[in-house]
């Protein structure tokens, strides 16, 4: 019986020693979980910021395209007006044949 009691005490000591060794591992796991949670939050924030920046870039590109189309339209109108003015000037300076 003394042998069984000694074995039980030895087993209890080993189990107790094992439990005390788990505390640092549990703390490390909790620390790693906190880091993972922070990284997930940072990733979600970065994704949201990227989506916002993408929308802003698309809006800017659309506005720039609209401005470019408007400038092209004005330039084409000016070119037509200049061509018409040049035609009138050419007509004014044409020599008329004398009789």
C-alpha atoms as a PDB file:
ATOM      1  CA  UNK A   1       0.000   0.000   0.000  1.00  0.00           C
ATOM      2  CA  UNK A   2       2.836   2.348   0.745  1.00  0.00           C
ATOM      3  CA  UNK A   3       3.976   1.941  -2.838  1.00  0.00           C
ATOM      4  CA  UNK A   4       0.565   2.927  -4.189  1.00  0.00           C
ATOM      5  CA  UNK A   5       0.461   5.983  -1.927  1.00  0.00           C
ATOM      6  CA  UNK A   6       3.911   7.009  -3.053  1.00  0.00           C
ATOM      7  CA  UNK A   7       2.924   6.501  -6.694  1.00  0.00           C
ATOM      8  CA  UNK A   8      -0.244   8.557  -6.183  1.00  0.00           C
ATOM      9  CA  UNK A   9       1.711  11.366  -4.512  1.00  0.00           C
ATOM     10  CA  UNK A  10       4.320  11.258  -7.249  1.00  0.00           C
ATOM     11  CA  UNK A  11       1.584  11.348  -9.898  1.00  0.00           C
ATOM     12  CA  UNK A  12      -0.113  14.247  -8.102  1.00  0.00           C
ATOM     13  CA  UNK A  13       3.182  16.149  -7.967  1.00  0.00           C
ATOM     14  CA  UNK A  14       3.788  15.548 -11.679  1.00  0.00           C
ATOM     15  CA  UNK A  15       0.279  16.700 -12.572  1.00  0.00           C
ATOM     16  CA  UNK A  16       0.645  19.758 -10.332  1.00  0.00           C
ATOM     17  CA  UNK A  17       4.040  20.527 -11.839  1.00  0.00           C
ATOM     18  CA  UNK A  18       2.531  20.148 -15.303  1.00  0.00           C
ATOM     19  CA  UNK A  19      -0.272  22.579 -14.462  1.00  0.00           C
ATOM     20  CA  UNK A  20       2.166  25.225 -13.296  1.00  0.00           C
ATOM     21  CA  UNK A  21       4.072  24.834 -16.536  1.00  0.00           C
ATOM     22  CA  UNK A  22       0.884  25.510 -18.528  1.00  0.00           C
ATOM     23  CA  UNK A  23       0.378  28.996 -17.062  1.00  0.00           C
ATOM     24  CA  UNK A  24       3.109  30.635 -19.197  1.00  0.00           C
ATOM     25  CA  UNK A  25       1.810  28.801 -22.266  1.00  0.00           C
ATOM     26  CA  UNK A  26      -1.733  29.975 -21.577  1.00  0.00           C
ATOM     27  CA  UNK A  27      -0.478  33.530 -21.162  1.00  0.00           C
ATOM     28  CA  UNK A  28       1.455  33.240 -24.413  1.00  0.00           C
ATOM     29  CA  UNK A  29      -1.628  31.883 -26.218  1.00  0.00           C
ATOM     30  CA  UNK A  30      -3.737  34.755 -24.874  1.00  0.00           C
ATOM     31  CA  UNK A  31      -1.079  37.232 -26.027  1.00  0.00           C
ATOM     32  CA  UNK A  32      -1.019  35.656 -29.484  1.00  0.00           C
ATOM     33  CA  UNK A  33      -4.831  35.737 -29.644  1.00  0.00           C
ATOM     34  CA  UNK A  34      -4.774  39.433 -28.757  1.00  0.00           C
ATOM     35  CA  UNK A  35      -2.224  40.038 -31.523  1.00  0.00           C
ATOM     36  CA  UNK A  36      -4.356  38.134 -34.029  1.00  0.00           C
ATOM     37  CA  UNK A  37      -7.435  40.151 -33.035  1.00  0.00           C
ATOM     38  CA  UNK A  38      -5.494  43.412 -33.443  1.00  0.00           C
ATOM     39  CA  UNK A  39      -4.187  42.333 -36.843  1.00  0.00           C
ATOM     40  CA  UNK A  40      -7.705  41.415 -37.954  1.00  0.00           C
ATOM     41  CA  UNK A  41      -8.969  44.823 -36.860  1.00  0.00           C
ATOM     42  CA  UNK A  42      -6.059  46.535 -38.633  1.00  0.00           C
ATOM     43  CA  UNK A  43      -6.758  44.521 -41.776  1.00  0.00           C
ATOM     44  CA  UNK A  44     -10.438  45.480 -41.721  1.00  0.00           C
ATOM     45  CA  UNK A  45      -9.521  49.149 -41.244  1.00  0.00           C
ATOM     46  CA  UNK A  46      -6.981  48.993 -44.084  1.00  0.00           C
ATOM     47  CA  UNK A  47      -9.538  47.357 -46.340  1.00  0.00           C
ATOM     48  CA  UNK A  48     -12.068  50.055 -45.515  1.00  0.00           C
ATOM     49  CA  UNK A  49      -9.487  52.790 -46.157  1.00  0.00           C
ATOM     50  CA  UNK A  50      -8.567  51.194 -49.488  1.00  0.00           C
ATOM     51  CA  UNK A  51     -12.215  51.049 -50.535  1.00  0.00           C
ATOM     52  CA  UNK A  52     -12.677  54.716 -49.604  1.00  0.00           C
ATOM     53  CA  UNK A  53      -9.550  55.694 -51.526  1.00  0.00           C
ATOM     54  CA  UNK A  54     -10.723  53.660 -54.520  1.00  0.00           C
ATOM     55  CA  UNK A  55     -14.086  55.460 -54.527  1.00  0.00           C
ATOM     56  CA  UNK A  56     -12.356  58.838 -54.267  1.00  0.00           C
ATOM     57  CA  UNK A  57      -9.997  57.961 -57.117  1.00  0.00           C
ATOM     58  CA  UNK A  58     -12.908  56.825 -59.284  1.00  0.00           C
ATOM     59  CA  UNK A  59     -14.781  60.060 -58.573  1.00  0.00           C
ATOM     60  CA  UNK A  60     -11.678  62.113 -59.412  1.00  0.00           C
ATOM     61  CA  UNK A  61     -11.138  60.179 -62.625  1.00  0.00           C
ATOM     62  CA  UNK A  62     -14.751  60.703 -63.615  1.00  0.00           C
ATOM     63  CA  UNK A  63     -14.509  64.441 -62.919  1.00  0.00           C
ATOM     64  CA  UNK A  64     -11.253  64.673 -64.870  1.00  0.00           C
ATOM     65  CA  UNK A  65     -12.815  62.814 -67.791  1.00  0.00           C
ATOM     66  CA  UNK A  66     -15.793  65.154 -67.751  1.00  0.00           C
ATOM     67  CA  UNK A  67     -13.494  68.198 -67.646  1.00  0.00           C
ATOM     68  CA  UNK A  68     -11.425  66.815 -70.527  1.00  0.00           C
ATOM     69  CA  UNK A  69     -14.552  66.220 -72.635  1.00  0.00           C
ATOM     70  CA  UNK A  70     -15.761  69.749 -71.919  1.00  0.00           C
ATOM     71  CA  UNK A  71     -12.332  71.199 -72.846  1.00  0.00           C
ATOM     72  CA  UNK A  72     -12.314  69.188 -76.079  1.00  0.00           C
ATOM     73  CA  UNK A  73     -15.776  70.462 -76.963  1.00  0.00           C
ATOM     74  CA  UNK A  74     -14.696  74.065 -76.337  1.00  0.00           C
ATOM     75  CA  UNK A  75     -11.524  73.554 -78.377  1.00  0.00           C
ATOM     76  CA  UNK A  76     -13.480  72.087 -81.283  1.00  0.00           C
ATOM     77  CA  UNK A  77     -15.904  75.021 -81.139  1.00  0.00           C
ATOM     78  CA  UNK A  78     -13.010  77.491 -81.112  1.00  0.00           C
ATOM     79  CA  UNK A  79     -11.353  75.731 -84.046  1.00  0.00           C
ATOM     80  CA  UNK A  80     -14.567  75.955 -86.069  1.00  0.00           C
ATOM     81  CA  UNK A  81     -14.938  79.654 -85.206  1.00  0.00           C
ATOM     82  CA  UNK A  82     -11.313  80.384 -86.170  1.00  0.00           C
ATOM     83  CA  UNK A  83     -11.729  78.517 -89.457  1.00  0.00           C
ATOM     84  CA  UNK A  84     -14.873  80.535 -90.241  1.00  0.00           C
ATOM     85  CA  UNK A  85     -13.089  83.805 -89.363  1.00  0.00           C
ATOM     86  CA  UNK A  86     -10.107  82.898 -91.529  1.00  0.00           C
ATOM     87  CA  UNK A  87     -12.453  82.157 -94.433  1.00  0.00           C
ATOM     88  CA  UNK A  88     -14.063  85.586 -94.047  1.00  0.00           C
ATOM     89  CA  UNK A  89     -10.663  87.293 -93.915  1.00  0.00           C
ATOM     90  CA  UNK A  90      -9.521  85.418 -97.019  1.00  0.00           C
ATOM     91  CA  UNK A  91     -12.716  86.445 -98.785  1.00  0.00           C
ATOM     92  CA  UNK A  92     -12.188  90.115 -97.847  1.00  0.00           C
ATOM     93  CA  UNK A  93      -8.671  90.223 -99.263  1.00  0.00           C
ATOM     94  CA  UNK A  94      -9.418  88.465-102.504  1.00  0.00           C
ATOM     95  CA  UNK A  95      -8.841  90.785-105.403  1.00  0.00           C
ATOM     96  CA  UNK A  96     -11.785  91.490-107.471  1.00  0.00           C
ATOM     97  CA  UNK A  97     -11.141  91.661-111.178  1.00  0.00           C
ATOM     98  CA  UNK A  98     -11.230  95.186-112.607  1.00  0.00           C
ATOM     99  CA  UNK A  99     -13.441  96.056-115.529  1.00  0.00           C
END
